[in-house]
Amino acid sequence: MWYTLTTAGTLYHFDYATEDFDGVYPLPTPLNGVVGAFVSKIDGNVWLAEMLGQAITKFDPRTKQFTRYPLPLTGLGIVVVRAETENRYIWFTGFLSNSNVRFDTRTEEIDVFTAPIPASFPTENTVDSQGRYWYSTATTNSIQYLDANNEAVIIVMPDNGVTLPIGIPPGLNIAIHSGPDNAIYFSQVLRNRIGRYQL
């Protein structure tokens, strides 16, 4: 299991078989604010979001080496990397910049897609059974996905009162996951409930 300590700016590895913490890997950039770790099925590397370091970072578990890709814009505040599409793209949510960030593992190009609702704060991401990229929004009481043209499609949560531009009261949707039953599951922290959207 790979995990990060954000305040320490360090990647760790826990071995399930031996139950040992057998790897400690400080990122090369200090005060990077690394958040989360995602093992890609594309290349087997561990991908990291540097929230404060403004970079996408790859860790090769074979060579134990980091490769850092600075972001083209400042203030993106990427926080979650848990999605990959088309056997080439790694996706990050840009919490502070109200965007989603896509990294092309073949060309190493970085694309930024701005969310359509201001201050929606994209938080977590997932991919459904059709290969579509989904993300949660902290303030809008909606979940969203990108269509084939990378345009956002907004799914408004039921019984939420005012939804646009800010949900009142907000559900504070953080988690989003694609379930095995062809549905998208999401959380509403401030409403103490889990929702399901059937595809």
C-alpha atoms as a PDB file:
ATOM      1  CA  MET A   1       0.000   0.000   0.000  1.00  0.00           C
ATOM      2  CA  TRP A   2       1.278   3.445  -0.961  1.00  0.00           C
ATOM      3  CA  TYR A   3       0.243   6.516   1.010  1.00  0.00           C
ATOM      4  CA  THR A   4       1.456  10.038   1.692  1.00  0.00           C
ATOM      5  CA  LEU A   5       1.973  12.287   4.680  1.00  0.00           C
ATOM      6  CA  THR A   6       0.989  15.729   3.450  1.00  0.00           C
ATOM      7  CA  THR A   7       2.696  17.738   6.171  1.00  0.00           C
ATOM      8  CA  ALA A   8       5.910  15.713   5.828  1.00  0.00           C
ATOM      9  CA  GLY A   9       5.905  15.796   2.029  1.00  0.00           C
ATOM     10  CA  THR A  10       6.751  12.110   1.947  1.00  0.00           C
ATOM     11  CA  LEU A  11       5.605   8.933   0.158  1.00  0.00           C
ATOM     12  CA  TYR A  12       5.432   5.718   2.200  1.00  0.00           C
ATOM     13  CA  HIS A  13       4.991   2.029   1.412  1.00  0.00           C
ATOM     14  CA  PHE A  14       3.422  -0.639   3.618  1.00  0.00           C
ATOM     15  CA  ASP A  15       3.971  -4.314   2.769  1.00  0.00           C
ATOM     16  CA  TYR A  16       0.828  -6.355   3.443  1.00  0.00           C
ATOM     17  CA  ALA A  17       2.700  -9.662   3.450  1.00  0.00           C
ATOM     18  CA  THR A  18       5.323  -8.715   6.022  1.00  0.00           C
ATOM     19  CA  GLU A  19       3.257  -6.015   7.744  1.00  0.00           C
ATOM     20  CA  ASP A  20       6.286  -3.754   7.588  1.00  0.00           C
ATOM     21  CA  PHE A  21       6.642  -0.130   6.599  1.00  0.00           C
ATOM     22  CA  ASP A  22       9.432  -0.884   4.174  1.00  0.00           C
ATOM     23  CA  GLY A  23       9.768   2.338   2.216  1.00  0.00           C
ATOM     24  CA  VAL A  24      10.090   6.045   3.067  1.00  0.00           C
ATOM     25  CA  TYR A  25      10.578   8.381   0.110  1.00  0.00           C
ATOM     26  CA  PRO A  26      10.725  12.152   0.694  1.00  0.00           C
ATOM     27  CA  LEU A  27       9.696  14.109  -2.381  1.00  0.00           C
ATOM     28  CA  PRO A  28      12.508  16.220  -3.855  1.00  0.00           C
ATOM     29  CA  THR A  29      10.627  19.508  -3.449  1.00  0.00           C
ATOM     30  CA  PRO A  30      10.217  20.857   0.110  1.00  0.00           C
ATOM     31  CA  LEU A  31       6.807  22.079   1.306  1.00  0.00           C
ATOM     32  CA  ASN A  32       5.145  20.246  -1.566  1.00  0.00           C
ATOM     33  CA  GLY A  33       1.862  19.459   0.228  1.00  0.00           C
ATOM     34  CA  VAL A  34       1.596  16.078  -1.481  1.00  0.00           C
ATOM     35  CA  VAL A  35      -1.937  14.657  -1.310  1.00  0.00           C
ATOM     36  CA  GLY A  36      -2.822  11.050  -2.028  1.00  0.00           C
ATOM     37  CA  ALA A  37      -1.166   8.324  -4.061  1.00  0.00           C
ATOM     38  CA  PHE A  38      -2.516   6.460  -7.074  1.00  0.00           C
ATOM     39  CA  VAL A  39      -0.981   3.349  -8.636  1.00  0.00           C
ATOM     40  CA  SER A  40      -1.641   3.487 -12.362  1.00  0.00           C
ATOM     41  CA  LYS A  41      -2.706   0.420 -14.309  1.00  0.00           C
ATOM     42  CA  ILE A  42      -1.189   2.082 -17.369  1.00  0.00           C
ATOM     43  CA  ASP A  43       2.438   2.012 -16.288  1.00  0.00           C
ATOM     44  CA  GLY A  44       2.561   0.689 -12.710  1.00  0.00           C
ATOM     45  CA  ASN A  45       3.948   3.968 -11.412  1.00  0.00           C
ATOM     46  CA  VAL A  46       2.719   5.816  -8.343  1.00  0.00           C
ATOM     47  CA  TRP A  47       1.249   9.207  -9.220  1.00  0.00           C
ATOM     48  CA  LEU A  48       1.092  12.059  -6.721  1.00  0.00           C
ATOM     49  CA  ALA A  49      -0.542  15.486  -6.546  1.00  0.00           C
ATOM     50  CA  GLU A  50       1.626  18.259  -5.142  1.00  0.00           C
ATOM     51  CA  MET A  51      -1.014  20.683  -3.892  1.00  0.00           C
ATOM     52  CA  LEU A  52       1.478  23.307  -2.698  1.00  0.00           C
ATOM     53  CA  GLY A  53       4.312  22.352  -5.021  1.00  0.00           C
ATOM     54  CA  GLN A  54       2.120  22.955  -8.085  1.00  0.00           C
ATOM     55  CA  ALA A  55       3.266  19.803  -9.828  1.00  0.00           C
ATOM     56  CA  ILE A  56       2.269  16.316 -10.899  1.00  0.00           C
ATOM     57  CA  THR A  57       4.833  13.807  -9.654  1.00  0.00           C
ATOM     58  CA  LYS A  58       5.536  10.256 -10.770  1.00  0.00           C
ATOM     59  CA  PHE A  59       7.337   7.730  -8.582  1.00  0.00           C
ATOM     60  CA  ASP A  60       8.805   4.638 -10.207  1.00  0.00           C
ATOM     61  CA  PRO A  61       8.681   1.812  -7.603  1.00  0.00           C
ATOM     62  CA  ARG A  62      11.327  -0.134  -9.529  1.00  0.00           C
ATOM     63  CA  THR A  63      14.003   2.549  -9.687  1.00  0.00           C
ATOM     64  CA  LYS A  64      12.769   4.462  -6.602  1.00  0.00           C
ATOM     65  CA  GLN A  65      13.053   7.676  -8.602  1.00  0.00           C
ATOM     66  CA  PHE A  66      10.730  10.679  -8.771  1.00  0.00           C
ATOM     67  CA  THR A  67       9.896  12.544 -11.979  1.00  0.00           C
ATOM     68  CA  ARG A  68       8.264  15.920 -11.478  1.00  0.00           C
ATOM     69  CA  TYR A  69       6.037  17.738 -13.990  1.00  0.00           C
ATOM     70  CA  PRO A  70       5.399  21.402 -13.042  1.00  0.00           C
ATOM     71  CA  LEU A  71       1.907  22.634 -13.810  1.00  0.00           C
ATOM     72  CA  PRO A  72       1.463  25.290 -16.528  1.00  0.00           C
ATOM     73  CA  LEU A  73      -0.623  27.570 -14.292  1.00  0.00           C
ATOM     74  CA  THR A  74      -0.207  28.719 -10.700  1.00  0.00           C
ATOM     75  CA  GLY A  75      -2.830  28.253  -8.031  1.00  0.00           C
ATOM     76  CA  LEU A  76      -4.318  25.014  -9.388  1.00  0.00           C
ATOM     77  CA  GLY A  77      -4.216  23.342  -5.973  1.00  0.00           C
ATOM     78  CA  ILE A  78      -4.489  19.771  -7.241  1.00  0.00           C
ATOM     79  CA  VAL A  79      -5.656  17.468  -4.463  1.00  0.00           C
ATOM     80  CA  VAL A  80      -6.842  14.071  -5.710  1.00  0.00           C
ATOM     81  CA  VAL A  81      -5.556  11.654  -8.320  1.00  0.00           C
ATOM     82  CA  ARG A  82      -7.728   8.518  -8.575  1.00  0.00           C
ATOM     83  CA  ALA A  83      -8.748   8.294 -12.217  1.00  0.00           C
ATOM     84  CA  GLU A  84      -7.290   7.247 -15.547  1.00  0.00           C
ATOM     85  CA  THR A  85      -8.891   7.039 -18.985  1.00  0.00           C
ATOM     86  CA  GLU A  86      -8.161   5.738 -22.488  1.00  0.00           C
ATOM     87  CA  ASN A  87      -5.116   3.840 -21.229  1.00  0.00           C
ATOM     88  CA  ARG A  88      -3.061   7.043 -21.362  1.00  0.00           C
ATOM     89  CA  TYR A  89      -4.515   9.855 -19.233  1.00  0.00           C
ATOM     90  CA  ILE A  90      -4.082  10.430 -15.481  1.00  0.00           C
ATOM     91  CA  TRP A  91      -6.625  12.851 -13.963  1.00  0.00           C
ATOM     92  CA  PHE A  92      -6.269  15.210 -10.993  1.00  0.00           C
ATOM     93  CA  THR A  93      -8.840  17.529  -9.432  1.00  0.00           C
ATOM     94  CA  GLY A  94      -7.872  21.201  -9.214  1.00  0.00           C
ATOM     95  CA  PHE A  95      -9.630  22.105  -5.992  1.00  0.00           C
ATOM     96  CA  LEU A  96      -8.442  25.706  -5.647  1.00  0.00           C
ATOM     97  CA  SER A  97      -8.629  26.548  -9.349  1.00  0.00           C
ATOM     98  CA  ASN A  98     -12.108  25.102  -9.939  1.00  0.00           C
ATOM     99  CA  SER A  99     -10.749  22.772 -12.600  1.00  0.00           C
ATOM    100  CA  ASN A 100      -9.731  19.268 -13.583  1.00  0.00           C
ATOM    101  CA  VAL A 101      -6.219  18.512 -14.766  1.00  0.00           C
ATOM    102  CA  ARG A 102      -5.338  15.796 -17.297  1.00  0.00           C
ATOM    103  CA  PHE A 103      -1.827  14.414 -17.756  1.00  0.00           C
ATOM    104  CA  ASP A 104      -0.986  12.520 -20.959  1.00  0.00           C
ATOM    105  CA  THR A 105       1.432   9.700 -20.090  1.00  0.00           C
ATOM    106  CA  ARG A 106       2.474   9.359 -23.742  1.00  0.00           C
ATOM    107  CA  THR A 107       3.235  12.984 -24.603  1.00  0.00           C
ATOM    108  CA  GLU A 108       3.638  14.384 -21.048  1.00  0.00           C
ATOM    109  CA  GLU A 109       1.257  17.199 -21.975  1.00  0.00           C
ATOM    110  CA  ILE A 110      -0.938  18.759 -19.299  1.00  0.00           C
ATOM    111  CA  ASP A 111      -4.456  20.058 -20.050  1.00  0.00           C
ATOM    112  CA  VAL A 112      -6.677  22.033 -17.680  1.00  0.00           C
ATOM    113  CA  PHE A 113     -10.494  21.952 -17.917  1.00  0.00           C
ATOM    114  CA  THR A 114     -12.332  24.646 -15.949  1.00  0.00           C
ATOM    115  CA  ALA A 115     -15.525  23.564 -14.176  1.00  0.00           C
ATOM    116  CA  PRO A 116     -18.606  25.453 -15.450  1.00  0.00           C
ATOM    117  CA  ILE A 117     -19.848  26.636 -12.037  1.00  0.00           C
ATOM    118  CA  PRO A 118     -17.585  29.139 -10.250  1.00  0.00           C
ATOM    119  CA  ALA A 119     -16.212  28.128  -6.838  1.00  0.00           C
ATOM    120  CA  SER A 120     -17.522  24.560  -7.126  1.00  0.00           C
ATOM    121  CA  PHE A 121     -14.212  23.137  -5.807  1.00  0.00           C
ATOM    122  CA  PRO A 122     -13.781  19.779  -7.619  1.00  0.00           C
ATOM    123  CA  THR A 123     -12.667  17.357  -4.915  1.00  0.00           C
ATOM    124  CA  GLU A 124     -12.518  13.643  -5.783  1.00  0.00           C
ATOM    125  CA  ASN A 125     -12.700  11.826  -9.094  1.00  0.00           C
ATOM    126  CA  THR A 126     -13.566   8.463 -10.596  1.00  0.00           C
ATOM    127  CA  VAL A 127     -14.220   6.743 -13.939  1.00  0.00           C
ATOM    128  CA  ASP A 128     -17.447   4.932 -14.790  1.00  0.00           C
ATOM    129  CA  SER A 129     -17.914   1.690 -16.718  1.00  0.00           C
ATOM    130  CA  GLN A 130     -18.135   3.643 -19.988  1.00  0.00           C
ATOM    131  CA  GLY A 131     -14.786   5.321 -19.411  1.00  0.00           C
ATOM    132  CA  ARG A 132     -16.225   8.724 -18.551  1.00  0.00           C
ATOM    133  CA  TYR A 133     -14.426  10.956 -16.072  1.00  0.00           C
ATOM    134  CA  TRP A 134     -16.541  12.048 -13.046  1.00  0.00           C
ATOM    135  CA  TYR A 135     -15.778  14.449 -10.210  1.00  0.00           C
ATOM    136  CA  SER A 136     -17.436  15.670  -7.038  1.00  0.00           C
ATOM    137  CA  THR A 137     -18.006  19.310  -6.157  1.00  0.00           C
ATOM    138  CA  ALA A 138     -17.865  20.595  -2.590  1.00  0.00           C
ATOM    139  CA  THR A 139     -20.275  23.516  -2.861  1.00  0.00           C
ATOM    140  CA  THR A 140     -22.777  23.033  -5.695  1.00  0.00           C
ATOM    141  CA  ASN A 141     -24.806  19.992  -4.570  1.00  0.00           C
ATOM    142  CA  SER A 142     -24.037  18.302  -7.862  1.00  0.00           C
ATOM    143  CA  ILE A 143     -21.827  15.670  -9.395  1.00  0.00           C
ATOM    144  CA  GLN A 144     -20.393  16.187 -12.856  1.00  0.00           C
ATOM    145  CA  TYR A 145     -18.761  14.289 -15.667  1.00  0.00           C
ATOM    146  CA  LEU A 146     -16.961  15.255 -18.859  1.00  0.00           C
ATOM    147  CA  ASP A 147     -18.504  14.224 -22.167  1.00  0.00           C
ATOM    148  CA  ALA A 148     -16.637  13.198 -25.315  1.00  0.00           C
ATOM    149  CA  ASN A 149     -15.804  16.854 -25.984  1.00  0.00           C
ATOM    150  CA  ASN A 150     -14.571  17.374 -22.410  1.00  0.00           C
ATOM    151  CA  GLU A 151     -17.592  19.557 -21.670  1.00  0.00           C
ATOM    152  CA  ALA A 152     -19.033  19.213 -18.174  1.00  0.00           C
ATOM    153  CA  VAL A 153     -22.445  17.601 -17.700  1.00  0.00           C
ATOM    154  CA  ILE A 154     -24.021  18.617 -14.392  1.00  0.00           C
ATOM    155  CA  ILE A 155     -26.164  16.158 -12.400  1.00  0.00           C
ATOM    156  CA  VAL A 156     -28.067  18.031  -9.690  1.00  0.00           C
ATOM    157  CA  MET A 157     -28.651  16.134  -6.447  1.00  0.00           C
ATOM    158  CA  PRO A 158     -32.313  15.758  -5.442  1.00  0.00           C
ATOM    159  CA  ASP A 159     -33.989  17.747  -2.634  1.00  0.00           C
ATOM    160  CA  ASN A 160     -31.254  20.322  -2.361  1.00  0.00           C
ATOM    161  CA  GLY A 161     -33.133  23.597  -2.493  1.00  0.00           C
ATOM    162  CA  VAL A 162     -31.071  26.233  -4.266  1.00  0.00           C
ATOM    163  CA  THR A 163     -28.316  24.655  -6.366  1.00  0.00           C
ATOM    164  CA  LEU A 164     -26.708  27.311  -8.574  1.00  0.00           C
ATOM    165  CA  PRO A 165     -24.279  28.897  -8.245  1.00  0.00           C
ATOM    166  CA  ILE A 166     -23.767  27.655  -4.663  1.00  0.00           C
ATOM    167  CA  GLY A 167     -25.831  24.923  -3.023  1.00  0.00           C
ATOM    168  CA  ILE A 168     -27.882  26.198  -0.102  1.00  0.00           C
ATOM    169  CA  PRO A 169     -27.575  24.474   2.243  1.00  0.00           C
ATOM    170  CA  PRO A 170     -24.409  22.844   0.899  1.00  0.00           C
ATOM    171  CA  GLY A 171     -24.033  19.068   1.087  1.00  0.00           C
ATOM    172  CA  LEU A 172     -20.233  19.287   1.010  1.00  0.00           C
ATOM    173  CA  ASN A 173     -19.875  16.462  -1.487  1.00  0.00           C
ATOM    174  CA  ILE A 174     -16.392  15.000  -1.062  1.00  0.00           C
ATOM    175  CA  ALA A 175     -16.258  11.319  -2.046  1.00  0.00           C
ATOM    176  CA  ILE A 176     -17.278   9.944  -5.436  1.00  0.00           C
ATOM    177  CA  HIS A 177     -16.870   6.358  -6.638  1.00  0.00           C
ATOM    178  CA  SER A 178     -18.027   4.235  -9.540  1.00  0.00           C
ATOM    179  CA  GLY A 179     -19.762   1.164  -8.144  1.00  0.00           C
ATOM    180  CA  PRO A 180     -19.927  -2.381  -9.541  1.00  0.00           C
ATOM    181  CA  ASP A 181     -23.673  -1.952 -10.153  1.00  0.00           C
ATOM    182  CA  ASN A 182     -23.229   0.653 -12.929  1.00  0.00           C
ATOM    183  CA  ALA A 183     -23.882   3.531 -10.556  1.00  0.00           C
ATOM    184  CA  ILE A 184     -22.015   6.526  -9.191  1.00  0.00           C
ATOM    185  CA  TYR A 185     -21.910   6.813  -5.392  1.00  0.00           C
ATOM    186  CA  PHE A 186     -21.252  10.116  -3.658  1.00  0.00           C
ATOM    187  CA  SER A 187     -21.159  11.532  -0.144  1.00  0.00           C
ATOM    188  CA  GLN A 188     -22.805  14.579   1.409  1.00  0.00           C
ATOM    189  CA  VAL A 189     -20.779  15.263   4.518  1.00  0.00           C
ATOM    190  CA  LEU A 190     -22.918  18.038   5.994  1.00  0.00           C
ATOM    191  CA  ARG A 191     -26.127  16.093   5.374  1.00  0.00           C
ATOM    192  CA  ASN A 192     -24.799  12.812   6.782  1.00  0.00           C
ATOM    193  CA  ARG A 193     -25.823  10.708   3.837  1.00  0.00           C
ATOM    194  CA  ILE A 194     -24.599   8.724   0.834  1.00  0.00           C
ATOM    195  CA  GLY A 195     -26.228   9.056  -2.571  1.00  0.00           C
ATOM    196  CA  ARG A 196     -26.355   6.846  -5.648  1.00  0.00           C
ATOM    197  CA  TYR A 197     -26.840   7.943  -9.248  1.00  0.00           C
ATOM    198  CA  GLN A 198     -27.860   5.068 -11.514  1.00  0.00           C
ATOM    199  CA  LEU A 199     -26.243   5.227 -14.962  1.00  0.00           C
END
